[in-house]
Amino acid sequence: MNTLPRNDPPLVLGFSRNSWVSSHRRNVLALICCAPLLRAAEAPSPIQLKDVTRQTGIHFLHTDGSSGRRYIVESVSCGLATFDFDGDGKIDILFLNGAPLPGAPITTPPPHNALYRNEGGWKFKDVTQAAGLMDTNYHLGVCVGDYDNDGDPDIYLNNFGPNILYRNNGDGTFSDVTREAGVAVRNHVGAGACFLDIDGDGDLDLFVANYVDFTFAKHQTRYVNGQPAYVGPMIYGPVPSTLFRNNGNGTFTDISRESGIASRVGTGMGVVCADYDGDGDSDIIVGNDAMANFVWRNDGKGHFEEVGLMSGLAYDANGFGQGTMGVECADFNNDGRLDFYMTAYQKQWAILYRNAGRGLFDDATHLTGAGTGTFNQVNWGIGMIDFDNDGNRDLFIACGHLQDNIGLWDDTASYEAHNILLQNTGHGKFMDVSARSGDGMAVKLSSRGAAFDDLDNDGKIDVVVLNSRREPTLLKNDSPTKNHWIQVRPRGTRSNRDGIGAHIKVVAGDLTLVDEVHSGRGYQSHYGIHPHFGLGPRTRVDRIEVRWIGGGTNVLEGVEVDRLIEITEDKTRL
């Protein structure tokens, strides 16, 4: 038997000894050159999210009313809101809940929404009953805004069944004023909702997206490989959305037809209102399920034209309508223009739409890596958030299938799934750091709505996730960053008091950041009404500009960092 010397490489078919050595040396050199990258891939990411749910005192448990009959409303439930309801400077949490549907067991007490007051130190107290929010309707979407300009945030709930407007009484309680305000919407499945000022008159109007024309009498079930499954929205058909004009006296008028909003029917889910074309007024972007998205362009007077196809936001790069779930906007590449991110159904990429200017967008998902990890998941809640305050917006995507038995016919997906965290590298790319960003990203549930706010006032944005049929997840931002930040709270005087729709520009040395104030966003949720800006190592803000809806700009110069700045609209307007 022929043998080779111990130190000689073996002979490989097609290779001489010298060529093997040369190849071996190249491989070694490649490993040496790649070692820093390999170490970086194994090291913790600069973003760390810690699961603190158990220590918070939150005992909310979500129900979608599951009956075993698979009503479509179960599959899209539901959103949540983070906001300071009592004005104490701490962000509180409102979890939306479903209700038993026909065939489901009756529970005592019945399911209801849950309002948790932030007590500080990551402790929350259930104040639902004291606040007067114990109704037992089937809730889906929520937005928050001071519709009567009295200084307190009010709540609008978009439901399956009658919608509800809660007026904040200013003493920790709310009153149902739906009927007297004239904002009930019936006979549709609710979705996202937004307060916005459509005509710059200083009063918040109300946009209400609707999903499908479903009733129990129309209920259908489908089967996949012999297994029962939820049907898609087109079985019941799309419906028009609703637009209410604020009359300035505590009442609203339905102007859906005359405004143009009722001219198209859709399957609305997530909604955000933003000045997508930079012309100074608020437009409405609606994510539709299983069809083209809508972009309602505002003429500044409250009349709307649907321009989704023209803008590039209607379809993906291949010309297909997505099963769009959540809609979020922010400036991901710091070019001064708002971009949009939309989550979608399984076997579709979540899409990043880059703002090319002049009201036009292109699908930058694959160019940037912004869809990484989303294809085999159903994606819902979304936040474009600068978690490590480095001046670049990262992506958090809430995941979970709507088919609770999906594993019986598809071994690539599961009802419960890990959420996704994509770090913005600052060079036009996103990198999946989910596995390296703390135990908060190891949670595996079936998530729906997600909200993002600074829950402990430490200058870093935290995460709250509503999970279908389970407890929520609260993630403390534990990122070990020394980067600086600034948060802006606009106070309107002639504009609406919350400054909703205001465009904010922050200039700090070589860094210029923009954002807007939104009411209602993501997946049927509300969060982040006070825009937060990461500044990296910069220790001073040179200039903050607030451009108000209705016209006029306030400028503040020479601002210290690491604080919340309130900017009040006044008579000195540029």
Protein backbone atom coordinates (compact mmCIF):
# COMPACT_ATOMS: atom_id res chain seq x y z
CA MET A 1 0.00 0.00 0.00
CA ASN A 2 1.45 3.34 -1.00
CA THR A 3 1.62 5.99 1.71
CA LEU A 4 2.40 9.71 1.78
CA PRO A 5 4.76 11.46 4.18
CA ARG A 6 2.87 12.69 7.27
CA ASN A 7 3.46 16.38 6.51
CA ASP A 8 2.59 16.25 2.86
CA PRO A 9 -0.89 17.15 1.68
CA PRO A 10 -2.92 14.34 0.15
CA LEU A 11 -3.19 14.14 -3.61
CA VAL A 12 -6.60 15.36 -4.78
CA LEU A 13 -7.99 14.54 -8.20
CA GLY A 14 -7.16 17.38 -10.55
CA PHE A 15 -4.64 19.03 -8.18
CA SER A 16 -0.89 18.74 -8.03
CA ARG A 17 0.87 19.00 -4.68
CA ASN A 18 1.95 22.59 -5.44
CA SER A 19 -1.50 23.68 -6.53
CA TRP A 20 -3.02 22.21 -3.34
CA VAL A 21 -0.51 24.14 -1.22
CA SER A 22 -1.22 27.32 -3.12
CA SER A 23 -4.95 26.86 -2.70
CA HIS A 24 -4.50 26.02 0.97
CA ARG A 25 -2.46 29.19 1.51
CA ARG A 26 -5.12 31.27 -0.22
CA ASN A 27 -7.81 29.77 2.03
CA VAL A 28 -5.75 30.51 5.13
CA LEU A 29 -5.17 34.07 3.99
CA ALA A 30 -8.88 34.44 3.27
CA LEU A 31 -9.74 33.24 6.76
CA ILE A 32 -7.24 35.66 8.26
CA CYS A 33 -8.65 38.55 6.25
CA CYS A 34 -12.23 37.61 7.13
CA ALA A 35 -11.50 37.03 10.82
CA PRO A 36 -12.55 40.56 11.85
CA LEU A 37 -15.85 40.11 10.01
CA LEU A 38 -16.42 36.70 11.58
CA ARG A 39 -15.68 38.10 15.02
CA ALA A 40 -18.06 41.00 14.36
CA ALA A 41 -20.77 38.57 13.31
CA GLU A 42 -20.36 36.65 16.57
CA ALA A 43 -20.07 39.70 18.84
CA PRO A 44 -23.12 41.33 20.47
CA SER A 45 -24.69 44.01 18.31
CA PRO A 46 -24.68 47.66 19.47
CA ILE A 47 -28.45 47.27 19.98
CA GLN A 48 -29.52 45.28 23.04
CA LEU A 49 -33.18 44.65 23.88
CA LYS A 50 -33.96 43.03 27.22
CA ASP A 51 -37.21 41.19 27.97
CA VAL A 52 -38.57 42.80 31.16
CA THR A 53 -42.20 41.73 30.80
CA ARG A 54 -42.40 39.75 34.05
CA GLN A 55 -41.15 42.57 36.26
CA THR A 56 -43.60 45.19 34.94
CA GLY A 57 -46.75 44.07 36.73
CA ILE A 58 -48.61 43.81 33.41
CA HIS A 59 -50.98 40.84 33.35
CA PHE A 60 -52.90 41.57 30.16
CA LEU A 61 -53.83 38.53 28.08
CA HIS A 62 -54.98 39.02 24.52
CA THR A 63 -57.94 37.17 23.01
CA ASP A 64 -58.97 37.16 19.38
CA GLY A 65 -62.33 35.58 20.21
CA SER A 66 -61.25 32.25 18.77
CA SER A 67 -64.20 29.95 18.28
CA GLY A 68 -62.69 27.28 16.06
CA ARG A 69 -64.84 28.59 13.22
CA ARG A 70 -62.07 30.85 11.90
CA TYR A 71 -63.83 34.17 11.43
CA ILE A 72 -61.58 36.53 9.46
CA VAL A 73 -61.57 39.16 12.22
CA GLU A 74 -59.65 36.75 14.47
CA SER A 75 -56.73 36.74 12.05
CA VAL A 76 -56.15 40.51 12.09
CA SER A 77 -56.47 41.31 15.81
CA CYS A 78 -55.00 43.82 16.88
CA GLY A 79 -53.01 46.99 17.76
CA LEU A 80 -51.97 49.02 20.82
CA ALA A 81 -51.07 52.56 21.82
CA THR A 82 -48.29 54.17 23.84
CA PHE A 83 -48.95 57.73 25.06
CA ASP A 84 -48.97 59.86 28.22
CA PHE A 85 -52.67 59.83 29.08
CA ASP A 86 -52.40 61.72 32.40
CA GLY A 87 -49.68 64.27 31.59
CA ASP A 88 -47.20 63.09 34.23
CA GLY A 89 -44.30 62.84 31.79
CA LYS A 90 -44.29 59.03 31.61
CA ILE A 91 -45.51 56.97 28.67
CA ASP A 92 -48.49 54.71 29.43
CA ILE A 93 -49.74 51.69 27.47
CA LEU A 94 -53.19 50.86 26.09
CA PHE A 95 -53.58 47.24 24.95
CA LEU A 96 -56.49 46.50 22.62
CA ASN A 97 -58.42 43.27 22.97
CA GLY A 98 -60.90 41.16 21.07
CA ALA A 99 -64.11 39.64 22.36
CA PRO A 100 -65.76 36.20 22.23
CA LEU A 101 -67.22 35.47 18.81
CA PRO A 102 -70.11 33.08 18.10
CA GLY A 103 -69.13 29.58 19.18
CA ALA A 104 -66.45 30.75 21.61
CA PRO A 105 -66.80 30.02 25.31
CA ILE A 106 -68.11 32.87 27.46
CA THR A 107 -65.63 34.00 30.11
CA THR A 108 -66.22 35.90 33.34
CA PRO A 109 -65.23 38.67 33.48
CA PRO A 110 -65.38 39.24 29.73
CA PRO A 111 -62.23 40.35 27.88
CA HIS A 112 -61.63 44.09 27.64
CA ASN A 113 -58.95 46.59 26.73
CA ALA A 114 -56.33 47.35 29.36
CA LEU A 115 -54.81 50.75 30.20
CA TYR A 116 -51.60 50.55 32.23
CA ARG A 117 -50.27 53.68 33.92
CA ASN A 118 -46.50 53.98 33.99
CA GLU A 119 -45.41 54.20 37.64
CA GLY A 120 -41.71 54.51 36.79
CA GLY A 121 -38.94 51.97 37.29
CA TRP A 122 -40.55 49.59 34.79
CA LYS A 123 -43.63 49.17 36.96
CA PHE A 124 -47.12 49.60 35.51
CA LYS A 125 -50.54 49.73 37.20
CA ASP A 126 -53.81 48.59 35.64
CA VAL A 127 -56.10 51.64 35.74
CA THR A 128 -58.60 50.49 33.11
CA GLN A 129 -61.63 50.48 35.36
CA ALA A 130 -60.81 53.78 37.06
CA ALA A 131 -60.24 55.38 33.63
CA GLY A 132 -63.61 54.20 32.31
CA LEU A 133 -62.20 52.05 29.50
CA MET A 134 -63.78 48.70 30.42
CA ASP A 135 -65.91 48.29 27.30
CA THR A 136 -66.04 44.76 25.88
CA ASN A 137 -66.27 45.44 22.14
CA TYR A 138 -64.08 43.75 19.55
CA HIS A 139 -61.21 46.20 19.03
CA LEU A 140 -58.76 46.30 16.14
CA GLY A 141 -57.12 49.70 15.54
CA VAL A 142 -56.35 52.80 17.61
CA CYS A 143 -55.09 56.36 17.29
CA VAL A 144 -54.58 59.11 19.86
CA GLY A 145 -54.92 62.88 19.48
CA ASP A 146 -56.28 65.97 21.19
CA TYR A 147 -59.31 66.41 18.93
CA ASP A 148 -60.84 69.17 21.08
CA ASN A 149 -57.55 71.03 21.74
CA ASP A 150 -58.06 71.06 25.51
CA GLY A 151 -54.57 69.77 26.31
CA ASP A 152 -55.44 66.12 26.94
CA PRO A 153 -54.97 63.18 24.54
CA ASP A 154 -58.19 61.52 23.38
CA ILE A 155 -58.58 57.97 22.03
CA TYR A 156 -60.31 56.63 18.92
CA LEU A 157 -60.90 52.88 18.60
CA ASN A 158 -61.54 51.30 15.19
CA ASN A 159 -63.49 48.11 15.88
CA PHE A 160 -65.40 45.18 14.48
CA GLY A 161 -68.73 46.69 15.37
CA PRO A 162 -69.36 50.29 16.48
CA ASN A 163 -66.23 52.43 16.76
CA ILE A 164 -65.61 54.48 19.89
CA LEU A 165 -64.29 58.00 20.57
CA TYR A 166 -63.14 58.51 24.16
CA ARG A 167 -62.72 62.10 25.34
CA ASN A 168 -60.04 62.58 27.98
CA ASN A 169 -61.61 64.40 30.93
CA GLY A 170 -58.26 65.63 32.22
CA ASP A 171 -58.62 63.87 35.57
CA GLY A 172 -57.46 60.38 34.59
CA THR A 173 -60.84 59.34 33.23
CA PHE A 174 -62.41 59.10 29.77
CA SER A 175 -65.96 59.53 28.50
CA ASP A 176 -67.51 57.80 25.49
CA VAL A 177 -68.61 60.68 23.25
CA THR A 178 -69.00 58.68 20.03
CA ARG A 179 -72.65 59.41 19.46
CA GLU A 180 -72.55 63.12 20.24
CA ALA A 181 -69.36 63.55 18.18
CA GLY A 182 -70.85 61.67 15.22
CA VAL A 183 -67.90 59.34 14.51
CA ALA A 184 -69.41 55.86 14.76
CA VAL A 185 -68.58 53.57 11.83
CA ARG A 186 -70.60 50.35 11.63
CA ASN A 187 -70.89 47.22 9.52
CA HIS A 188 -67.22 46.92 8.60
CA VAL A 189 -64.14 45.28 10.02
CA GLY A 190 -61.94 48.05 11.39
CA ALA A 191 -58.25 48.63 10.74
CA GLY A 192 -55.81 51.50 11.26
CA ALA A 193 -56.97 55.04 12.06
CA CYS A 194 -55.28 58.44 12.18
CA PHE A 195 -55.98 61.92 13.46
CA LEU A 196 -54.73 64.59 11.03
CA ASP A 197 -55.46 68.17 10.05
CA ILE A 198 -56.58 67.91 6.44
CA ASP A 199 -56.99 71.65 5.78
CA GLY A 200 -54.69 73.45 8.23
CA ASP A 201 -57.51 74.97 10.27
CA GLY A 202 -56.06 73.86 13.61
CA ASP A 203 -58.62 71.12 14.29
CA LEU A 204 -57.82 67.41 14.08
CA ASP A 205 -59.89 65.52 11.53
CA LEU A 206 -60.17 61.72 11.55
CA PHE A 207 -59.34 59.09 8.93
CA VAL A 208 -60.73 55.59 9.53
CA ALA A 209 -59.56 52.69 7.37
CA ASN A 210 -61.87 49.73 6.84
CA TYR A 211 -60.81 46.20 5.97
CA VAL A 212 -63.59 44.08 4.43
CA ASP A 213 -67.35 43.77 4.18
CA PHE A 214 -67.68 40.85 6.58
CA THR A 215 -70.69 39.73 8.57
CA PHE A 216 -71.28 36.45 10.36
CA ALA A 217 -73.90 35.60 7.73
CA LYS A 218 -71.20 35.83 5.04
CA HIS A 219 -68.66 33.72 6.92
CA GLN A 220 -66.67 31.16 4.91
CA THR A 221 -63.92 28.70 5.74
CA ARG A 222 -61.40 27.22 3.32
CA TYR A 223 -59.33 24.07 3.53
CA VAL A 224 -55.67 23.52 2.75
CA ASN A 225 -54.60 19.88 2.46
CA GLY A 226 -57.77 19.01 4.30
CA GLN A 227 -57.05 21.43 7.15
CA PRO A 228 -59.37 24.36 8.01
CA ALA A 229 -57.88 27.80 7.37
CA TYR A 230 -58.78 31.47 7.46
CA VAL A 231 -59.90 32.89 4.11
CA GLY A 232 -58.34 35.96 2.51
CA PRO A 233 -59.97 39.40 2.32
CA MET A 234 -61.18 39.18 -1.26
CA ILE A 235 -63.72 36.55 -0.29
CA TYR A 236 -65.72 39.35 1.36
CA GLY A 237 -64.60 42.24 -0.80
CA PRO A 238 -62.94 45.65 -0.25
CA VAL A 239 -64.75 48.64 1.19
CA PRO A 240 -64.24 52.43 1.21
CA SER A 241 -62.54 54.18 4.10
CA THR A 242 -64.16 57.00 6.08
CA LEU A 243 -63.05 60.60 6.57
CA PHE A 244 -64.54 62.85 9.25
CA ARG A 245 -64.05 66.64 9.25
CA ASN A 246 -63.74 68.25 12.68
CA ASN A 247 -66.36 71.00 13.00
CA GLY A 248 -64.44 72.71 15.80
CA ASN A 249 -67.27 72.32 18.33
CA GLY A 250 -66.76 68.74 19.47
CA THR A 251 -68.59 67.22 16.52
CA PHE A 252 -67.52 65.76 13.18
CA THR A 253 -69.08 65.53 9.72
CA ASP A 254 -68.60 62.54 7.41
CA ILE A 255 -67.04 63.99 4.24
CA SER A 256 -65.92 60.69 2.71
CA ARG A 257 -67.71 61.28 -0.57
CA GLU A 258 -67.04 64.98 -1.16
CA SER A 259 -63.37 64.63 -0.14
CA GLY A 260 -62.78 61.84 -2.67
CA ILE A 261 -61.87 59.23 -0.05
CA ALA A 262 -64.94 57.09 -0.79
CA SER A 263 -64.18 57.00 -4.53
CA ARG A 264 -62.04 53.85 -4.15
CA VAL A 265 -62.59 50.65 -2.22
CA GLY A 266 -59.73 48.87 -0.48
CA THR A 267 -58.73 46.36 2.15
CA GLY A 268 -57.10 48.80 4.55
CA MET A 269 -54.86 47.57 7.36
CA GLY A 270 -51.96 49.77 8.49
CA VAL A 271 -52.19 53.53 7.89
CA VAL A 272 -49.93 56.53 8.32
CA CYS A 273 -50.55 60.18 7.47
CA ALA A 274 -47.48 62.03 6.20
CA ASP A 275 -46.43 64.72 3.75
CA TYR A 276 -45.01 62.22 1.26
CA ASP A 277 -44.49 64.80 -1.51
CA GLY A 278 -43.18 67.67 0.63
CA ASP A 279 -45.83 70.20 -0.35
CA GLY A 280 -46.71 71.21 3.21
CA ASP A 281 -49.92 69.26 3.87
CA SER A 282 -50.73 65.80 5.26
CA ASP A 283 -51.44 62.98 2.83
CA ILE A 284 -52.81 59.54 3.70
CA ILE A 285 -50.97 56.30 2.93
CA VAL A 286 -53.03 53.12 3.31
CA GLY A 287 -51.59 49.62 3.24
CA ASN A 288 -54.09 47.33 1.52
CA ASP A 289 -54.16 43.57 1.93
CA ALA A 290 -53.88 41.52 -1.30
CA MET A 291 -54.18 44.53 -3.59
CA ALA A 292 -52.49 47.82 -4.50
CA ASN A 293 -51.78 50.27 -1.68
CA PHE A 294 -53.45 53.69 -1.70
CA VAL A 295 -51.78 57.08 -1.56
CA TRP A 296 -54.34 59.83 -1.01
CA ARG A 297 -52.72 63.10 -2.12
CA ASN A 298 -54.12 66.13 -0.31
CA ASP A 299 -54.62 69.37 -2.23
CA GLY A 300 -54.22 71.29 1.05
CA LYS A 301 -57.93 71.98 1.31
CA GLY A 302 -59.05 68.51 2.34
CA HIS A 303 -59.74 67.10 -1.12
CA PHE A 304 -57.91 63.88 -2.01
CA GLU A 305 -56.80 62.10 -5.17
CA GLU A 306 -55.56 58.50 -5.14
CA VAL A 307 -52.06 58.41 -6.72
CA GLY A 308 -50.58 55.15 -5.44
CA LEU A 309 -49.60 53.87 -8.88
CA MET A 310 -48.11 57.20 -9.94
CA SER A 311 -46.07 57.52 -6.74
CA GLY A 312 -44.60 54.02 -6.84
CA LEU A 313 -46.05 53.01 -3.45
CA ALA A 314 -48.89 50.88 -4.82
CA TYR A 315 -46.87 47.80 -5.82
CA ASP A 316 -43.52 46.13 -5.25
CA ALA A 317 -40.67 46.27 -7.77
CA ASN A 318 -42.24 43.40 -9.75
CA GLY A 319 -45.58 45.14 -10.06
CA PHE A 320 -47.39 42.95 -7.57
CA GLY A 321 -49.80 44.09 -4.88
CA GLN A 322 -48.66 42.86 -1.48
CA GLY A 323 -50.60 41.55 1.48
CA THR A 324 -49.63 44.77 3.24
CA MET A 325 -50.04 44.79 7.01
CA GLY A 326 -48.18 47.66 8.71
CA VAL A 327 -47.09 51.03 7.29
CA GLU A 328 -44.30 53.16 8.77
CA CYS A 329 -42.34 56.16 7.54
CA ALA A 330 -39.03 57.81 8.43
CA ASP A 331 -35.89 59.00 6.67
CA PHE A 332 -33.72 55.86 6.62
CA ASN A 333 -30.81 57.34 4.62
CA ASN A 334 -30.78 60.90 6.01
CA ASP A 335 -31.36 62.59 2.68
CA GLY A 336 -34.10 64.84 4.08
CA ARG A 337 -37.01 62.89 2.56
CA LEU A 338 -39.46 60.51 4.25
CA ASP A 339 -39.24 56.89 3.14
CA PHE A 340 -41.86 54.18 3.76
CA TYR A 341 -41.62 50.62 5.04
CA MET A 342 -44.50 48.17 4.65
CA THR A 343 -44.79 44.72 6.16
CA ALA A 344 -46.47 41.90 4.26
CA TYR A 345 -47.70 38.31 4.18
CA GLN A 346 -45.65 35.10 4.00
CA LYS A 347 -43.78 34.45 0.74
CA GLN A 348 -43.58 38.21 0.17
CA TRP A 349 -40.82 40.57 1.20
CA ALA A 350 -41.51 43.43 3.53
CA ILE A 351 -40.83 46.44 1.31
CA LEU A 352 -38.67 49.54 1.81
CA TYR A 353 -39.75 52.34 -0.51
CA ARG A 354 -37.01 54.94 -1.00
CA ASN A 355 -38.15 58.50 -1.56
CA ALA A 356 -36.59 59.66 -4.84
CA GLY A 357 -38.09 63.15 -4.56
CA ARG A 358 -40.92 64.88 -6.39
CA GLY A 359 -43.43 62.46 -4.88
CA LEU A 360 -41.82 59.38 -6.45
CA PHE A 361 -40.58 56.19 -4.74
CA ASP A 362 -38.64 53.11 -5.73
CA ASP A 363 -38.42 49.67 -4.16
CA ALA A 364 -35.03 49.58 -2.41
CA THR A 365 -35.65 46.39 -0.44
CA HIS A 366 -33.05 44.15 -2.03
CA LEU A 367 -30.53 46.90 -2.64
CA THR A 368 -30.47 47.74 1.07
CA GLY A 369 -31.17 44.34 2.65
CA ALA A 370 -34.25 45.80 4.36
CA GLY A 371 -36.28 42.65 3.68
CA THR A 372 -33.82 40.25 5.28
CA GLY A 373 -35.60 37.47 7.17
CA THR A 374 -39.11 38.58 6.22
CA PHE A 375 -39.92 36.28 3.29
CA ASN A 376 -40.95 33.18 5.24
CA GLN A 377 -42.80 35.16 7.91
CA VAL A 378 -46.07 37.00 8.19
CA ASN A 379 -44.99 40.50 9.25
CA TRP A 380 -47.20 42.92 11.21
CA GLY A 381 -46.02 45.73 13.48
CA ILE A 382 -43.09 47.85 12.30
CA GLY A 383 -40.89 50.60 13.68
CA MET A 384 -38.17 52.60 11.90
CA ILE A 385 -36.36 53.47 15.11
CA ASP A 386 -32.83 54.62 15.98
CA PHE A 387 -32.28 52.18 18.83
CA ASP A 388 -28.62 53.02 19.51
CA ASN A 389 -28.91 56.78 18.86
CA ASP A 390 -26.22 56.71 16.18
CA GLY A 391 -28.25 58.88 13.80
CA ASN A 392 -29.48 55.99 11.63
CA ARG A 393 -32.95 54.42 11.71
CA ASP A 394 -33.06 50.67 12.37
CA LEU A 395 -35.96 48.31 11.63
CA PHE A 396 -37.97 46.25 14.12
CA ILE A 397 -40.49 43.86 12.55
CA ALA A 398 -43.11 41.93 14.54
CA CYS A 399 -43.75 38.43 13.15
CA GLY A 400 -46.22 35.60 13.60
CA HIS A 401 -48.46 33.58 11.30
CA LEU A 402 -52.22 34.12 11.28
CA GLN A 403 -52.92 30.45 10.52
CA ASP A 404 -52.54 28.75 13.89
CA ASN A 405 -52.20 25.35 12.19
CA ILE A 406 -49.83 26.43 9.43
CA GLY A 407 -47.34 23.70 10.36
CA LEU A 408 -49.78 21.04 9.19
CA TRP A 409 -49.24 22.01 5.55
CA ASP A 410 -46.13 24.22 5.45
CA ASP A 411 -42.95 23.21 7.25
CA THR A 412 -41.23 26.52 6.40
CA ALA A 413 -43.42 28.58 8.73
CA SER A 414 -44.88 28.47 12.23
CA TYR A 415 -47.65 30.27 14.09
CA GLU A 416 -45.16 31.52 16.66
CA ALA A 417 -42.05 33.23 15.32
CA HIS A 418 -39.10 35.34 16.40
CA ASN A 419 -39.32 39.04 15.68
CA ILE A 420 -36.70 40.64 13.42
CA LEU A 421 -34.22 43.44 14.14
CA LEU A 422 -32.28 44.96 11.25
CA GLN A 423 -29.49 47.38 12.12
CA ASN A 424 -28.92 50.36 9.83
CA THR A 425 -25.20 50.41 9.02
CA GLY A 426 -25.30 54.05 7.98
CA HIS A 427 -24.13 53.16 4.48
CA GLY A 428 -27.46 52.48 2.87
CA LYS A 429 -27.58 48.88 4.13
CA PHE A 430 -29.36 46.90 6.82
CA MET A 431 -27.89 43.94 8.70
CA ASP A 432 -29.84 41.28 10.59
CA VAL A 433 -28.70 41.44 14.22
CA SER A 434 -31.71 39.66 15.73
CA ALA A 435 -29.66 36.81 17.19
CA ARG A 436 -27.08 39.16 18.74
CA SER A 437 -29.34 41.79 20.30
CA GLY A 438 -30.35 40.42 23.67
CA ASP A 439 -32.89 38.00 25.13
CA GLY A 440 -35.74 40.25 24.01
CA MET A 441 -35.20 39.02 20.48
CA ALA A 442 -35.34 35.38 21.61
CA VAL A 443 -39.05 35.66 22.46
CA LYS A 444 -41.07 33.45 20.12
CA LEU A 445 -44.79 34.24 20.00
CA SER A 446 -47.31 35.26 17.35
CA SER A 447 -46.95 39.03 17.37
CA ARG A 448 -49.30 41.63 15.90
CA GLY A 449 -49.15 45.34 16.81
CA ALA A 450 -45.91 46.91 18.04
CA ALA A 451 -45.26 50.31 19.64
CA PHE A 452 -42.05 52.23 20.26
CA ASP A 453 -41.48 54.88 22.94
CA ASP A 454 -39.08 55.80 25.73
CA LEU A 455 -40.79 54.05 28.64
CA ASP A 456 -38.16 54.84 31.30
CA ASN A 457 -37.07 58.33 30.15
CA ASP A 458 -33.44 57.28 29.67
CA GLY A 459 -33.18 58.64 26.13
CA LYS A 460 -33.45 55.27 24.38
CA ILE A 461 -36.53 53.95 22.62
CA ASP A 462 -38.10 50.80 24.07
CA VAL A 463 -40.52 48.30 22.50
CA VAL A 464 -43.97 46.96 23.39
CA VAL A 465 -45.42 44.08 21.36
CA LEU A 466 -49.00 42.79 21.46
CA ASN A 467 -49.03 39.01 20.92
CA SER A 468 -52.05 37.12 19.65
CA ARG A 469 -53.72 34.93 22.31
CA ARG A 470 -50.89 35.56 24.77
CA GLU A 471 -49.32 38.08 27.10
CA PRO A 472 -47.53 41.11 25.59
CA THR A 473 -43.77 41.55 25.39
CA LEU A 474 -41.99 44.60 26.86
CA LEU A 475 -38.42 45.14 25.74
CA LYS A 476 -36.11 47.53 27.58
CA ASN A 477 -33.54 49.18 25.35
CA ASP A 478 -30.32 48.17 27.11
CA SER A 479 -27.99 49.28 24.33
CA PRO A 480 -24.59 50.23 25.84
CA THR A 481 -24.36 53.41 23.82
CA LYS A 482 -22.88 56.76 24.80
CA ASN A 483 -24.48 58.45 21.82
CA HIS A 484 -26.55 61.58 22.36
CA TRP A 485 -30.16 62.33 21.45
CA ILE A 486 -32.85 64.98 21.36
CA GLN A 487 -36.63 64.64 21.55
CA VAL A 488 -39.05 67.29 20.32
CA ARG A 489 -42.57 67.98 21.57
CA PRO A 490 -44.34 70.58 19.41
CA ARG A 491 -47.15 72.56 21.04
CA GLY A 492 -49.53 74.16 18.59
CA THR A 493 -51.43 77.35 19.31
CA ARG A 494 -53.01 78.10 15.97
CA SER A 495 -52.13 74.63 14.70
CA ASN A 496 -53.60 71.62 16.48
CA ARG A 497 -52.26 71.43 20.03
CA ASP A 498 -50.34 68.16 19.53
CA GLY A 499 -48.58 69.51 16.45
CA ILE A 500 -49.73 66.46 14.50
CA GLY A 501 -48.47 66.77 10.94
CA ALA A 502 -45.66 69.16 11.88
CA HIS A 503 -42.41 68.62 9.97
CA ILE A 504 -39.29 68.73 12.14
CA LYS A 505 -35.70 69.21 11.02
CA VAL A 506 -32.75 68.78 13.38
CA VAL A 507 -29.28 69.98 12.38
CA ALA A 508 -26.27 68.95 14.47
CA GLY A 509 -22.96 69.66 12.76
CA ASP A 510 -22.71 67.41 9.69
CA LEU A 511 -25.91 65.55 10.56
CA THR A 512 -29.35 66.60 9.34
CA LEU A 513 -32.40 64.60 10.41
CA VAL A 514 -36.09 64.98 9.61
CA ASP A 515 -39.31 63.52 10.96
CA GLU A 516 -42.99 64.30 11.33
CA VAL A 517 -45.53 64.04 14.14
CA HIS A 518 -47.94 61.16 13.52
CA SER A 519 -51.16 60.00 15.16
CA GLY A 520 -51.73 56.37 14.25
CA ARG A 521 -49.09 54.30 12.41
CA GLY A 522 -47.53 50.86 12.05
CA TYR A 523 -49.97 47.99 12.33
CA GLN A 524 -53.25 49.45 13.62
CA SER A 525 -51.32 51.15 16.44
CA HIS A 526 -50.19 54.51 17.81
CA TYR A 527 -46.78 55.49 19.20
CA GLY A 528 -43.97 58.02 19.13
CA ILE A 529 -45.98 61.23 19.04
CA HIS A 530 -42.89 63.13 20.25
CA PRO A 531 -40.23 62.56 17.56
CA HIS A 532 -36.91 61.22 18.84
CA PHE A 533 -33.57 61.85 17.10
CA GLY A 534 -30.29 60.00 17.69
CA LEU A 535 -27.27 62.30 17.31
CA GLY A 536 -24.29 59.97 17.56
CA PRO A 537 -21.30 61.63 19.30
CA ARG A 538 -22.50 65.18 18.58
CA THR A 539 -22.84 67.18 21.78
CA ARG A 540 -24.89 70.12 20.54
CA VAL A 541 -27.84 70.72 18.23
CA ASP A 542 -27.26 73.74 16.03
CA ARG A 543 -30.81 74.22 14.86
CA ILE A 544 -34.31 72.78 15.18
CA GLU A 545 -36.96 73.82 12.67
CA VAL A 546 -40.65 73.06 13.13
CA ARG A 547 -42.86 73.64 10.09
CA TRP A 548 -46.46 73.66 11.19
CA ILE A 549 -49.48 72.33 9.34
CA GLY A 550 -51.30 75.42 8.16
CA GLY A 551 -48.09 77.34 7.47
CA GLY A 552 -45.27 78.99 9.36
CA THR A 553 -42.03 77.79 10.90
CA ASN A 554 -40.45 78.10 14.34
CA VAL A 555 -36.67 77.93 14.73
CA LEU A 556 -34.69 77.14 17.87
CA GLU A 557 -30.90 77.43 17.81
CA GLY A 558 -28.09 76.25 20.09
CA VAL A 559 -29.89 73.43 21.90
CA GLU A 560 -28.29 71.20 24.52
CA VAL A 561 -28.55 67.47 23.87
CA ASP A 562 -30.01 64.54 25.85
CA ARG A 563 -33.32 66.18 26.69
CA LEU A 564 -36.93 66.63 25.64
CA ILE A 565 -37.47 70.05 24.08
CA GLU A 566 -40.94 71.60 23.90
CA ILE A 567 -41.37 74.07 21.06
CA THR A 568 -44.52 76.17 21.19
CA GLU A 569 -45.98 77.74 18.09
CA ASP A 570 -45.99 81.50 18.61
CA LYS A 571 -46.49 84.74 16.76
CA THR A 572 -42.88 84.85 15.59
CA ARG A 573 -43.16 82.64 12.54
CA LEU A 574 -40.80 82.58 9.57
